[in-house]
Amino acid sequence: MATRIRLLTLDAYNTLFKPKGSLSSQYAQEAVKYGVHVTKSAVSQNFGQAYKNQLERAPFYGLQLGMTTKQWWEELVYATFVGAGANKKDLDPVFDDLFHSLYTRFMTADGYTTFPDVRKTLIQLRQRGFQMGVISNSDERVLEVIKSLELNQYFDFVLPSCVAGYEKPEVQIFEKACEITGVRPEQVLHVGDDVEKDYYGARNAGMHATLLKRSRKSIYFHHRYASIKEKTN
């Protein structure tokens, strides 16, 4: 007899929500307000490399180096703008205000929007009596994002990696979710969009897992609800 699923855990970014428009367009649009001119394409081309460099220099938000997550992002955002061709004479005098604006923007519904299938699916899953939680490789702002998007009512807990002290695919972050709820790993189904961090991370922790494939106009999560029902019956 198959073990009954009691807890559903979900990834956050690109599973529940995504940037409103695009991250690069929001960076460029916000910069213009402060007299800093960069193109969306230049931001897009440089953000990924700046992010990679920052991870190599200061892994896991630099917490082991004594940094705060805000300081970590501040360095990353500055490097992104410089790499995108921002004139330092324009950027430096206004950067503190520009960064604050972006940092706070991406903790609210101003910066993010839910996928169209999310709310309907969460309502149905909650009606079936599942415990539900979020496991996210993110800083503490994800708590505010989920609250601002009015998704917090569906979840029993939200576990950012910076709070857990571990990142997916490390099994410890999945084990933290079990500790919070008192549910055994074999009674958990994790849903996320990253094959290594979400799917294999959860499987290595002894959980069930479903890989979610998002597209630009995705309604895939609701379609995957049928497979979730099969796993839980």
C-alpha atoms as a PDB file:
ATOM      1  CA  MET A   1       0.000   0.000   0.000  1.00  0.00           C
ATOM      2  CA  ALA A   2       1.364   3.412  -0.971  1.00  0.00           C
ATOM      3  CA  THR A   3       2.162   5.838   1.815  1.00  0.00           C
ATOM      4  CA  ARG A   4      -0.393   8.637   2.014  1.00  0.00           C
ATOM      5  CA  ILE A   5       0.963  12.135   1.333  1.00  0.00           C
ATOM      6  CA  ARG A   6       0.288  14.476   4.246  1.00  0.00           C
ATOM      7  CA  LEU A   7       2.507  17.451   3.409  1.00  0.00           C
ATOM      8  CA  LEU A   8       3.038  19.288   0.124  1.00  0.00           C
ATOM      9  CA  THR A   9       6.065  21.570  -0.100  1.00  0.00           C
ATOM     10  CA  LEU A  10       6.611  23.959  -2.970  1.00  0.00           C
ATOM     11  CA  ASP A  11       9.439  26.000  -4.385  1.00  0.00           C
ATOM     12  CA  ALA A  12       8.696  29.739  -4.605  1.00  0.00           C
ATOM     13  CA  TYR A  13      10.448  31.533  -7.483  1.00  0.00           C
ATOM     14  CA  ASN A  14       9.271  30.314 -10.927  1.00  0.00           C
ATOM     15  CA  THR A  15       6.920  27.871  -9.215  1.00  0.00           C
ATOM     16  CA  LEU A  16       4.476  30.115  -7.363  1.00  0.00           C
ATOM     17  CA  PHE A  17       5.480  33.493  -8.775  1.00  0.00           C
ATOM     18  CA  LYS A  18       7.743  35.259 -11.262  1.00  0.00           C
ATOM     19  CA  PRO A  19       9.008  38.818 -11.823  1.00  0.00           C
ATOM     20  CA  LYS A  20       6.337  41.185 -13.082  1.00  0.00           C
ATOM     21  CA  GLY A  21       7.358  41.790 -16.686  1.00  0.00           C
ATOM     22  CA  SER A  22      11.013  40.883 -16.261  1.00  0.00           C
ATOM     23  CA  LEU A  23      13.710  41.525 -13.703  1.00  0.00           C
ATOM     24  CA  SER A  24      15.906  43.309 -16.227  1.00  0.00           C
ATOM     25  CA  SER A  25      13.155  45.663 -17.379  1.00  0.00           C
ATOM     26  CA  GLN A  26      12.337  46.568 -13.776  1.00  0.00           C
ATOM     27  CA  TYR A  27      16.001  47.324 -13.057  1.00  0.00           C
ATOM     28  CA  ALA A  28      16.276  49.534 -16.143  1.00  0.00           C
ATOM     29  CA  GLN A  29      12.993  51.339 -15.493  1.00  0.00           C
ATOM     30  CA  GLU A  30      13.842  52.032 -11.860  1.00  0.00           C
ATOM     31  CA  ALA A  31      17.313  53.290 -12.782  1.00  0.00           C
ATOM     32  CA  VAL A  32      15.884  55.905 -15.153  1.00  0.00           C
ATOM     33  CA  LYS A  33      13.991  57.466 -12.229  1.00  0.00           C
ATOM     34  CA  TYR A  34      17.384  58.269 -10.678  1.00  0.00           C
ATOM     35  CA  GLY A  35      19.018  59.510 -13.859  1.00  0.00           C
ATOM     36  CA  VAL A  36      20.913  56.281 -14.527  1.00  0.00           C
ATOM     37  CA  HIS A  37      20.529  54.994 -18.083  1.00  0.00           C
ATOM     38  CA  VAL A  38      21.036  51.324 -18.909  1.00  0.00           C
ATOM     39  CA  THR A  39      19.181  49.134 -21.374  1.00  0.00           C
ATOM     40  CA  LYS A  40      17.070  46.138 -20.472  1.00  0.00           C
ATOM     41  CA  SER A  41      19.236  43.897 -22.657  1.00  0.00           C
ATOM     42  CA  ALA A  42      22.445  45.130 -21.000  1.00  0.00           C
ATOM     43  CA  VAL A  43      21.040  44.397 -17.541  1.00  0.00           C
ATOM     44  CA  SER A  44      19.878  40.980 -18.710  1.00  0.00           C
ATOM     45  CA  GLN A  45      23.299  40.165 -20.165  1.00  0.00           C
ATOM     46  CA  ASN A  46      25.188  41.222 -17.037  1.00  0.00           C
ATOM     47  CA  PHE A  47      22.966  40.166 -14.141  1.00  0.00           C
ATOM     48  CA  GLY A  48      23.617  36.452 -14.607  1.00  0.00           C
ATOM     49  CA  GLN A  49      27.394  36.843 -14.626  1.00  0.00           C
ATOM     50  CA  ALA A  50      27.314  39.257 -11.691  1.00  0.00           C
ATOM     51  CA  TYR A  51      25.176  36.772  -9.784  1.00  0.00           C
ATOM     52  CA  LYS A  52      27.578  33.925 -10.557  1.00  0.00           C
ATOM     53  CA  ASN A  53      30.576  36.003  -9.507  1.00  0.00           C
ATOM     54  CA  GLN A  54      28.912  36.979  -6.258  1.00  0.00           C
ATOM     55  CA  LEU A  55      28.070  33.357  -5.448  1.00  0.00           C
ATOM     56  CA  GLU A  56      31.689  32.353  -6.027  1.00  0.00           C
ATOM     57  CA  ARG A  57      33.050  35.212  -3.947  1.00  0.00           C
ATOM     58  CA  ALA A  58      30.497  35.000  -1.136  1.00  0.00           C
ATOM     59  CA  PRO A  59      28.474  31.762  -1.198  1.00  0.00           C
ATOM     60  CA  PHE A  60      25.112  31.539   0.560  1.00  0.00           C
ATOM     61  CA  TYR A  61      24.511  35.295   0.746  1.00  0.00           C
ATOM     62  CA  GLY A  62      27.918  35.781   2.377  1.00  0.00           C
ATOM     63  CA  LEU A  63      26.494  34.779   5.742  1.00  0.00           C
ATOM     64  CA  GLN A  64      29.654  32.876   6.654  1.00  0.00           C
ATOM     65  CA  LEU A  65      31.664  36.007   5.832  1.00  0.00           C
ATOM     66  CA  GLY A  66      29.614  38.098   8.221  1.00  0.00           C
ATOM     67  CA  MET A  67      27.564  39.794   5.522  1.00  0.00           C
ATOM     68  CA  THR A  68      23.852  40.458   5.672  1.00  0.00           C
ATOM     69  CA  THR A  69      21.696  39.348   2.765  1.00  0.00           C
ATOM     70  CA  LYS A  70      21.021  43.027   2.028  1.00  0.00           C
ATOM     71  CA  GLN A  71      24.760  43.770   1.763  1.00  0.00           C
ATOM     72  CA  TRP A  72      25.161  40.753  -0.508  1.00  0.00           C
ATOM     73  CA  TRP A  73      22.466  41.992  -2.864  1.00  0.00           C
ATOM     74  CA  GLU A  74      23.796  45.554  -2.727  1.00  0.00           C
ATOM     75  CA  GLU A  75      27.150  44.417  -4.110  1.00  0.00           C
ATOM     76  CA  LEU A  76      25.440  42.300  -6.761  1.00  0.00           C
ATOM     77  CA  VAL A  77      23.129  45.080  -7.930  1.00  0.00           C
ATOM     78  CA  TYR A  78      25.991  47.582  -8.129  1.00  0.00           C
ATOM     79  CA  ALA A  79      28.086  45.151 -10.185  1.00  0.00           C
ATOM     80  CA  THR A  80      25.102  44.550 -12.477  1.00  0.00           C
ATOM     81  CA  PHE A  81      24.643  48.252 -13.217  1.00  0.00           C
ATOM     82  CA  VAL A  82      28.356  48.858 -13.755  1.00  0.00           C
ATOM     83  CA  GLY A  83      28.551  45.837 -16.036  1.00  0.00           C
ATOM     84  CA  ALA A  84      25.503  47.083 -17.923  1.00  0.00           C
ATOM     85  CA  GLY A  85      27.360  50.287 -18.743  1.00  0.00           C
ATOM     86  CA  ALA A  86      26.033  52.712 -16.132  1.00  0.00           C
ATOM     87  CA  ASN A  87      28.163  55.826 -15.795  1.00  0.00           C
ATOM     88  CA  LYS A  88      29.652  55.771 -12.291  1.00  0.00           C
ATOM     89  CA  LYS A  89      29.411  59.553 -12.082  1.00  0.00           C
ATOM     90  CA  ASP A  90      25.648  59.179 -12.444  1.00  0.00           C
ATOM     91  CA  LEU A  91      25.347  55.941 -10.471  1.00  0.00           C
ATOM     92  CA  ASP A  92      27.411  56.511  -7.330  1.00  0.00           C
ATOM     93  CA  PRO A  93      25.602  59.585  -5.919  1.00  0.00           C
ATOM     94  CA  VAL A  94      22.166  57.956  -6.255  1.00  0.00           C
ATOM     95  CA  PHE A  95      22.987  54.291  -5.796  1.00  0.00           C
ATOM     96  CA  ASP A  96      21.914  53.998  -2.156  1.00  0.00           C
ATOM     97  CA  ASP A  97      18.447  55.302  -2.992  1.00  0.00           C
ATOM     98  CA  LEU A  98      18.216  53.277  -6.199  1.00  0.00           C
ATOM     99  CA  PHE A  99      19.228  50.083  -4.450  1.00  0.00           C
ATOM    100  CA  HIS A 100      16.778  50.675  -1.592  1.00  0.00           C
ATOM    101  CA  SER A 101      13.997  51.156  -4.115  1.00  0.00           C
ATOM    102  CA  LEU A 102      14.814  47.919  -5.933  1.00  0.00           C
ATOM    103  CA  TYR A 103      15.416  45.928  -2.752  1.00  0.00           C
ATOM    104  CA  THR A 104      12.044  46.869  -1.289  1.00  0.00           C
ATOM    105  CA  ARG A 105      10.277  46.496  -4.645  1.00  0.00           C
ATOM    106  CA  PHE A 106      11.268  42.843  -4.791  1.00  0.00           C
ATOM    107  CA  MET A 107       9.665  42.044  -1.476  1.00  0.00           C
ATOM    108  CA  THR A 108       6.165  42.999  -2.638  1.00  0.00           C
ATOM    109  CA  ALA A 109       3.594  42.416  -5.346  1.00  0.00           C
ATOM    110  CA  ASP A 110       5.114  45.443  -7.108  1.00  0.00           C
ATOM    111  CA  GLY A 111       7.951  43.233  -8.271  1.00  0.00           C
ATOM    112  CA  TYR A 112       6.275  39.846  -8.656  1.00  0.00           C
ATOM    113  CA  THR A 113       3.107  38.239  -9.943  1.00  0.00           C
ATOM    114  CA  THR A 114       1.688  34.758  -9.371  1.00  0.00           C
ATOM    115  CA  PHE A 115       1.272  32.291 -12.197  1.00  0.00           C
ATOM    116  CA  PRO A 116      -2.394  32.054 -13.277  1.00  0.00           C
ATOM    117  CA  ASP A 117      -2.798  28.457 -12.097  1.00  0.00           C
ATOM    118  CA  VAL A 118      -1.439  28.921  -8.582  1.00  0.00           C
ATOM    119  CA  ARG A 119      -4.314  30.243  -6.493  1.00  0.00           C
ATOM    120  CA  LYS A 120      -6.908  27.827  -7.871  1.00  0.00           C
ATOM    121  CA  THR A 121      -4.621  24.854  -7.282  1.00  0.00           C
ATOM    122  CA  LEU A 122      -3.663  25.915  -3.756  1.00  0.00           C
ATOM    123  CA  ILE A 123      -7.333  26.366  -2.843  1.00  0.00           C
ATOM    124  CA  GLN A 124      -8.142  22.853  -4.060  1.00  0.00           C
ATOM    125  CA  LEU A 125      -5.180  21.330  -2.256  1.00  0.00           C
ATOM    126  CA  ARG A 126      -6.064  23.146   0.965  1.00  0.00           C
ATOM    127  CA  GLN A 127      -9.688  21.973   0.672  1.00  0.00           C
ATOM    128  CA  ARG A 128      -8.401  18.401   0.559  1.00  0.00           C
ATOM    129  CA  GLY A 129      -6.783  18.942   3.941  1.00  0.00           C
ATOM    130  CA  PHE A 130      -3.094  18.890   3.071  1.00  0.00           C
ATOM    131  CA  GLN A 131      -0.497  20.650   5.143  1.00  0.00           C
ATOM    132  CA  MET A 132       1.466  22.924   2.802  1.00  0.00           C
ATOM    133  CA  GLY A 133       4.717  24.810   3.016  1.00  0.00           C
ATOM    134  CA  VAL A 134       7.300  26.648   0.939  1.00  0.00           C
ATOM    135  CA  ILE A 135      10.964  25.634   0.707  1.00  0.00           C
ATOM    136  CA  SER A 136      12.921  28.316  -1.106  1.00  0.00           C
ATOM    137  CA  ASN A 137      16.551  29.088  -1.877  1.00  0.00           C
ATOM    138  CA  SER A 138      16.124  32.752  -1.030  1.00  0.00           C
ATOM    139  CA  ASP A 139      16.611  35.444   1.531  1.00  0.00           C
ATOM    140  CA  GLU A 140      14.045  36.442   4.131  1.00  0.00           C
ATOM    141  CA  ARG A 141      12.173  38.710   1.689  1.00  0.00           C
ATOM    142  CA  VAL A 142      10.326  35.683   0.309  1.00  0.00           C
ATOM    143  CA  LEU A 143       8.169  35.817   3.460  1.00  0.00           C
ATOM    144  CA  GLU A 144       7.031  39.336   2.557  1.00  0.00           C
ATOM    145  CA  VAL A 145       6.586  38.462  -1.121  1.00  0.00           C
ATOM    146  CA  ILE A 146       4.237  35.591  -0.321  1.00  0.00           C
ATOM    147  CA  LYS A 147       2.326  37.782   2.108  1.00  0.00           C
ATOM    148  CA  SER A 148       2.064  40.638  -0.388  1.00  0.00           C
ATOM    149  CA  LEU A 149       0.798  38.244  -3.079  1.00  0.00           C
ATOM    150  CA  GLU A 150      -1.814  37.029  -0.549  1.00  0.00           C
ATOM    151  CA  LEU A 151      -0.582  33.436  -0.703  1.00  0.00           C
ATOM    152  CA  ASN A 152       0.398  33.150   2.975  1.00  0.00           C
ATOM    153  CA  GLN A 153      -3.118  31.993   3.919  1.00  0.00           C
ATOM    154  CA  TYR A 154      -2.506  28.689   2.116  1.00  0.00           C
ATOM    155  CA  PHE A 155       0.775  27.764   3.832  1.00  0.00           C
ATOM    156  CA  ASP A 156       1.583  26.402   7.266  1.00  0.00           C
ATOM    157  CA  PHE A 157       5.185  27.620   6.985  1.00  0.00           C
ATOM    158  CA  VAL A 158       7.611  29.389   4.645  1.00  0.00           C
ATOM    159  CA  LEU A 159      11.241  28.257   4.926  1.00  0.00           C
ATOM    160  CA  PRO A 160      13.857  30.444   3.195  1.00  0.00           C
ATOM    161  CA  SER A 161      17.320  28.919   2.892  1.00  0.00           C
ATOM    162  CA  CYS A 162      18.905  31.860   4.730  1.00  0.00           C
ATOM    163  CA  VAL A 163      16.746  31.007   7.761  1.00  0.00           C
ATOM    164  CA  ALA A 164      17.143  27.244   7.464  1.00  0.00           C
ATOM    165  CA  GLY A 165      20.916  27.531   7.234  1.00  0.00           C
ATOM    166  CA  TYR A 166      20.980  25.187   4.240  1.00  0.00           C
ATOM    167  CA  GLU A 167      20.158  25.431   0.547  1.00  0.00           C
ATOM    168  CA  LYS A 168      18.453  22.997  -1.789  1.00  0.00           C
ATOM    169  CA  PRO A 169      19.540  20.393  -2.837  1.00  0.00           C
ATOM    170  CA  GLU A 170      21.044  19.807   0.628  1.00  0.00           C
ATOM    171  CA  VAL A 171      18.867  17.277   2.419  1.00  0.00           C
ATOM    172  CA  GLN A 172      18.972  19.275   5.658  1.00  0.00           C
ATOM    173  CA  ILE A 173      16.623  21.972   4.367  1.00  0.00           C
ATOM    174  CA  PHE A 174      14.041  19.329   3.468  1.00  0.00           C
ATOM    175  CA  GLU A 175      14.534  17.696   6.858  1.00  0.00           C
ATOM    176  CA  LYS A 176      13.813  21.083   8.473  1.00  0.00           C
ATOM    177  CA  ALA A 177      10.386  21.060   6.848  1.00  0.00           C
ATOM    178  CA  CYS A 178       9.695  17.640   8.354  1.00  0.00           C
ATOM    179  CA  GLU A 179      10.815  18.874  11.774  1.00  0.00           C
ATOM    180  CA  ILE A 180       8.479  21.865  11.553  1.00  0.00           C
ATOM    181  CA  THR A 181       5.431  19.753  10.728  1.00  0.00           C
ATOM    182  CA  GLY A 182       6.236  16.433  12.380  1.00  0.00           C
ATOM    183  CA  VAL A 183       5.686  14.642   9.058  1.00  0.00           C
ATOM    184  CA  ARG A 184       7.939  11.808   7.873  1.00  0.00           C
ATOM    185  CA  PRO A 185       9.860  12.317   4.588  1.00  0.00           C
ATOM    186  CA  GLU A 186       7.960   9.525   2.841  1.00  0.00           C
ATOM    187  CA  GLN A 187       4.734  11.429   3.571  1.00  0.00           C
ATOM    188  CA  VAL A 188       5.944  14.558   1.769  1.00  0.00           C
ATOM    189  CA  LEU A 189       5.606  15.569  -1.881  1.00  0.00           C
ATOM    190  CA  HIS A 190       7.834  18.432  -3.044  1.00  0.00           C
ATOM    191  CA  VAL A 191       7.029  20.432  -6.186  1.00  0.00           C
ATOM    192  CA  GLY A 192       9.543  22.702  -7.906  1.00  0.00           C
ATOM    193  CA  ASP A 193      11.002  23.761 -11.253  1.00  0.00           C
ATOM    194  CA  ASP A 194      14.687  22.839 -10.795  1.00  0.00           C
ATOM    195  CA  VAL A 195      15.593  19.228 -11.533  1.00  0.00           C
ATOM    196  CA  GLU A 196      18.704  19.176  -9.318  1.00  0.00           C
ATOM    197  CA  LYS A 197      17.645  21.429  -6.434  1.00  0.00           C
ATOM    198  CA  ASP A 198      13.980  20.504  -6.209  1.00  0.00           C
ATOM    199  CA  TYR A 199      13.462  17.069  -7.746  1.00  0.00           C
ATOM    200  CA  TYR A 200      16.668  15.249  -6.799  1.00  0.00           C
ATOM    201  CA  GLY A 201      17.102  17.273  -3.615  1.00  0.00           C
ATOM    202  CA  ALA A 202      13.732  16.075  -2.354  1.00  0.00           C
ATOM    203  CA  ARG A 203      14.253  12.515  -3.582  1.00  0.00           C
ATOM    204  CA  ASN A 204      17.620  12.306  -1.816  1.00  0.00           C
ATOM    205  CA  ALA A 205      15.876  13.427   1.368  1.00  0.00           C
ATOM    206  CA  GLY A 206      13.479  10.484   1.070  1.00  0.00           C
ATOM    207  CA  MET A 207      10.526  12.518  -0.215  1.00  0.00           C
ATOM    208  CA  HIS A 208       8.339  12.209  -3.268  1.00  0.00           C
ATOM    209  CA  ALA A 209       8.926  14.871  -5.914  1.00  0.00           C
ATOM    210  CA  THR A 210       7.251  16.374  -8.966  1.00  0.00           C
ATOM    211  CA  LEU A 211       9.136  18.534 -11.471  1.00  0.00           C
ATOM    212  CA  LEU A 212       7.204  21.589 -12.625  1.00  0.00           C
ATOM    213  CA  LYS A 213       7.930  22.954 -16.096  1.00  0.00           C
ATOM    214  CA  ARG A 214       6.943  26.580 -16.451  1.00  0.00           C
ATOM    215  CA  SER A 215       6.472  28.493 -19.701  1.00  0.00           C
ATOM    216  CA  ARG A 216       5.773  32.131 -20.485  1.00  0.00           C
ATOM    217  CA  LYS A 217       1.999  31.542 -20.285  1.00  0.00           C
ATOM    218  CA  SER A 218       2.103  28.545 -18.014  1.00  0.00           C
ATOM    219  CA  ILE A 219      -0.951  26.877 -16.538  1.00  0.00           C
ATOM    220  CA  TYR A 220       1.103  23.740 -15.928  1.00  0.00           C
ATOM    221  CA  PHE A 221       0.798  23.653 -12.144  1.00  0.00           C
ATOM    222  CA  HIS A 222      -2.962  23.109 -12.298  1.00  0.00           C
ATOM    223  CA  HIS A 223      -2.489  20.344 -14.858  1.00  0.00           C
ATOM    224  CA  ARG A 224       0.045  18.672 -12.578  1.00  0.00           C
ATOM    225  CA  TYR A 225      -2.598  18.727  -9.838  1.00  0.00           C
ATOM    226  CA  ALA A 226      -3.983  15.530 -11.391  1.00  0.00           C
ATOM    227  CA  SER A 227      -0.695  13.708 -10.797  1.00  0.00           C
ATOM    228  CA  ILE A 228      -0.600  15.059  -7.242  1.00  0.00           C
ATOM    229  CA  LYS A 229      -4.059  13.616  -6.643  1.00  0.00           C
ATOM    230  CA  GLU A 230      -2.861  10.240  -7.930  1.00  0.00           C
ATOM    231  CA  LYS A 231       0.097  10.273  -5.539  1.00  0.00           C
ATOM    232  CA  THR A 232      -2.061  11.144  -2.553  1.00  0.00           C
ATOM    233  CA  ASN A 233      -4.885   8.640  -3.044  1.00  0.00           C
END
